[in-house]
Amino acid sequence: MRAVFWFEQNLKYCCFTLFETIRAESDMAKVLIVYDSHSGNTEKMAHAIAEGVKEKKVKVHVKKVNTTSIEDLVDHDAIIIGSPTYYGQMSGKLKELIDKSVKVHGKLEGKVGAAFTSSGGTATGAETTLLSILQAMLVHGMIVQGRSDSKHYGPAAVESPNKKDVEDCRRLGKRVAALVLKLAK
């Protein structure tokens, strides 16, 4: 009889612990990093941003644009979008995702947004690429995370991100995560 009682008590404890863990994870703030990358440079930046988000103990999902659904945008508290610079604009794949987001217009309002890019050289349209992403976020009513001291619109790397670029990306991840946590209070 004692063994049955012990088993029941431990089973209740395990179920309660599992339930609390699941509930805590579902209540946790979530950041989505969506990127397009052909050379791997923008992808490196996406993962550096994710490191910064994790430093604030915020859940982060890093997804390539072709595996991202419109529902993914709705299911997260913050969305950070990264694109290579193509003629001063975001990639066609990212533009297509943003065009499809009209289906959830109004459901992204109040979420935190940010952008990053990689380009082939200096003065090749990185700022206009960032602004094209941020404009779409503003149309959705999102809260855009800027930076006052440098690279105001978001991190921009020339070709492969160097150490400073990677650090800028981590800082963006931390700032977005901190803002999400602040807004969740």
Protein backbone atom coordinates (compact mmCIF):
# COMPACT_ATOMS: atom_id res chain seq x y z
CA MET A 1 0.00 0.00 0.00
CA ARG A 2 2.87 2.39 0.79
CA ALA A 3 4.33 1.85 -2.68
CA VAL A 4 1.03 2.82 -4.31
CA PHE A 5 0.79 5.97 -2.18
CA TRP A 6 4.41 6.89 -2.99
CA PHE A 7 3.79 6.30 -6.70
CA GLU A 8 0.62 8.46 -6.70
CA GLN A 9 2.39 11.31 -4.90
CA ASN A 10 5.35 11.25 -7.29
CA LEU A 11 3.07 11.03 -10.31
CA LYS A 12 1.13 14.09 -9.10
CA TYR A 13 4.38 15.99 -8.51
CA CYS A 14 5.74 15.09 -11.97
CA CYS A 15 2.48 16.06 -13.70
CA PHE A 16 2.30 19.34 -11.78
CA THR A 17 5.93 20.14 -12.60
CA LEU A 18 5.40 19.35 -16.28
CA PHE A 19 2.25 21.49 -16.38
CA GLU A 20 4.03 24.41 -14.71
CA THR A 21 6.95 24.12 -17.14
CA ILE A 22 4.63 24.10 -20.15
CA ARG A 23 2.66 27.05 -18.78
CA ALA A 24 5.83 29.02 -18.02
CA GLU A 25 7.15 28.43 -21.54
CA SER A 26 3.86 29.49 -23.13
CA ASP A 27 3.87 32.67 -21.01
CA MET A 28 7.47 33.39 -21.96
CA ALA A 29 8.16 36.27 -24.32
CA LYS A 30 9.05 35.06 -27.82
CA VAL A 31 11.18 36.69 -30.49
CA LEU A 32 11.13 35.60 -34.13
CA ILE A 33 14.15 36.28 -36.34
CA VAL A 34 13.29 35.87 -40.02
CA TYR A 35 16.04 36.17 -42.59
CA ASP A 36 16.96 35.57 -46.20
CA SER A 37 20.57 34.76 -47.02
CA HIS A 38 22.29 33.54 -50.16
CA SER A 39 25.94 33.95 -49.15
CA GLY A 40 25.47 33.08 -45.47
CA ASN A 41 26.35 36.60 -44.26
CA THR A 42 22.81 37.58 -43.23
CA GLU A 43 22.39 34.15 -41.62
CA LYS A 44 25.47 34.74 -39.44
CA MET A 45 23.96 38.04 -38.34
CA ALA A 46 20.63 36.34 -37.50
CA HIS A 47 22.35 33.87 -35.20
CA ALA A 48 24.36 36.62 -33.48
CA ILE A 49 21.10 38.51 -32.81
CA ALA A 50 19.62 35.30 -31.36
CA GLU A 51 22.57 35.07 -28.96
CA GLY A 52 21.74 38.55 -27.69
CA VAL A 53 18.07 37.65 -27.22
CA LYS A 54 19.03 34.54 -25.24
CA GLU A 55 21.21 36.62 -22.91
CA LYS A 56 17.97 38.23 -21.66
CA LYS A 57 16.40 34.78 -21.09
CA VAL A 58 13.83 35.34 -23.83
CA LYS A 59 12.75 32.52 -26.13
CA VAL A 60 13.94 32.97 -29.72
CA HIS A 61 13.18 31.24 -33.00
CA VAL A 62 15.47 31.76 -35.99
CA LYS A 63 13.84 30.90 -39.32
CA LYS A 64 14.67 31.26 -42.98
CA VAL A 65 12.04 33.25 -44.82
CA ASN A 66 10.95 30.28 -46.94
CA THR A 67 10.05 28.29 -43.78
CA THR A 68 8.22 31.19 -42.10
CA SER A 69 4.44 31.37 -42.11
CA ILE A 70 2.16 34.32 -41.50
CA GLU A 71 1.03 32.58 -38.29
CA ASP A 72 4.66 32.64 -37.08
CA LEU A 73 4.50 36.44 -37.20
CA VAL A 74 1.33 36.52 -35.10
CA ASP A 75 2.64 33.98 -32.56
CA HIS A 76 5.64 36.08 -31.46
CA ASP A 77 6.01 39.23 -29.36
CA ALA A 78 8.82 40.61 -31.51
CA ILE A 79 9.87 40.16 -35.11
CA ILE A 80 13.37 40.93 -36.35
CA ILE A 81 13.81 40.75 -40.12
CA GLY A 82 17.13 40.47 -41.93
CA SER A 83 17.81 40.71 -45.63
CA PRO A 84 20.68 41.01 -48.02
CA THR A 85 20.70 44.40 -49.73
CA TYR A 86 19.36 44.14 -53.28
CA TYR A 87 19.33 47.44 -55.15
CA GLY A 88 18.63 49.26 -51.89
CA GLN A 89 15.69 47.02 -51.02
CA MET A 90 14.94 43.82 -49.14
CA SER A 91 14.99 40.50 -50.99
CA GLY A 92 12.01 39.43 -53.05
CA LYS A 93 11.30 36.50 -50.69
CA LEU A 94 11.03 38.83 -47.70
CA LYS A 95 8.91 41.28 -49.67
CA GLU A 96 6.60 38.39 -50.58
CA LEU A 97 6.21 37.45 -46.89
CA ILE A 98 5.46 41.04 -45.99
CA ASP A 99 2.94 41.30 -48.84
CA LYS A 100 1.20 38.16 -47.55
CA SER A 101 1.10 39.66 -44.04
CA VAL A 102 -1.85 41.79 -45.17
CA LYS A 103 -3.90 38.71 -44.13
CA VAL A 104 -3.03 39.45 -40.50
CA HIS A 105 -3.14 43.23 -40.70
CA GLY A 106 -3.95 44.62 -37.26
CA LYS A 107 -2.69 41.50 -35.45
CA LEU A 108 0.94 42.69 -35.39
CA GLU A 109 0.11 46.02 -33.78
CA GLY A 110 2.11 46.63 -30.61
CA LYS A 111 4.69 43.95 -31.34
CA VAL A 112 8.34 44.97 -31.32
CA GLY A 113 10.11 45.11 -34.68
CA ALA A 114 13.69 45.55 -35.86
CA ALA A 115 15.77 45.02 -38.98
CA PHE A 116 19.29 44.10 -40.12
CA THR A 117 21.06 43.72 -43.45
CA SER A 118 24.26 42.70 -45.17
CA SER A 119 25.48 44.31 -48.37
CA GLY A 120 28.22 43.98 -50.95
CA GLY A 121 29.93 47.26 -50.14
CA THR A 122 29.63 50.68 -48.56
CA ALA A 123 27.06 53.13 -49.89
CA THR A 124 25.23 50.30 -51.65
CA GLY A 125 21.76 50.78 -50.15
CA ALA A 126 21.96 49.21 -46.69
CA GLU A 127 20.07 52.07 -45.02
CA THR A 128 17.30 52.06 -47.61
CA THR A 129 17.02 48.28 -47.23
CA LEU A 130 16.59 48.66 -43.48
CA LEU A 131 14.06 51.45 -43.98
CA SER A 132 12.03 49.34 -46.43
CA ILE A 133 11.67 46.66 -43.74
CA LEU A 134 10.93 49.16 -40.97
CA GLN A 135 8.30 50.94 -43.11
CA ALA A 136 6.34 47.69 -43.41
CA MET A 137 6.57 47.22 -39.63
CA LEU A 138 5.29 50.73 -39.01
CA VAL A 139 2.34 50.12 -41.36
CA HIS A 140 1.50 47.12 -39.17
CA GLY A 141 1.57 49.36 -36.09
CA MET A 142 4.65 47.72 -34.66
CA ILE A 143 7.02 49.39 -32.20
CA VAL A 144 10.37 49.77 -33.93
CA GLN A 145 13.56 49.36 -31.90
CA GLY A 146 16.11 51.91 -33.04
CA ARG A 147 19.51 52.89 -31.69
CA SER A 148 20.58 56.40 -30.77
CA ASP A 149 24.38 56.19 -30.91
CA SER A 150 25.14 54.48 -34.23
CA LYS A 151 23.55 52.39 -36.98
CA HIS A 152 20.21 53.94 -36.04
CA TYR A 153 18.04 51.73 -38.27
CA GLY A 154 19.71 48.41 -37.46
CA PRO A 155 22.95 46.51 -37.95
CA ALA A 156 24.43 46.56 -41.44
CA ALA A 157 27.45 44.49 -42.42
CA VAL A 158 29.57 44.79 -45.54
CA GLU A 159 29.97 41.25 -46.86
CA SER A 160 30.82 38.80 -44.05
CA PRO A 161 30.09 40.36 -40.63
CA ASN A 162 33.24 41.26 -38.69
CA LYS A 163 33.58 41.21 -34.88
CA LYS A 164 32.08 44.69 -34.51
CA ASP A 165 29.13 43.75 -36.73
CA VAL A 166 28.51 40.59 -34.72
CA GLU A 167 28.59 42.62 -31.50
CA ASP A 168 26.13 45.13 -33.02
CA CYS A 169 23.85 42.20 -33.79
CA ARG A 170 24.07 40.84 -30.24
CA ARG A 171 23.31 44.31 -28.91
CA LEU A 172 20.22 44.50 -31.13
CA GLY A 173 19.03 41.13 -29.82
CA LYS A 174 19.50 42.29 -26.22
CA ARG A 175 17.73 45.61 -26.85
CA VAL A 176 14.75 43.96 -28.55
CA ALA A 177 14.46 41.35 -25.78
CA ALA A 178 14.68 44.05 -23.09
CA LEU A 179 11.94 46.07 -24.80
CA VAL A 180 9.69 43.00 -25.10
CA LEU A 181 10.16 42.27 -21.40
CA LYS A 182 9.49 45.90 -20.50
CA LEU A 183 6.26 45.95 -22.51
CA ALA A 184 5.14 42.65 -20.96
CA LYS A 185 5.09 44.15 -17.44
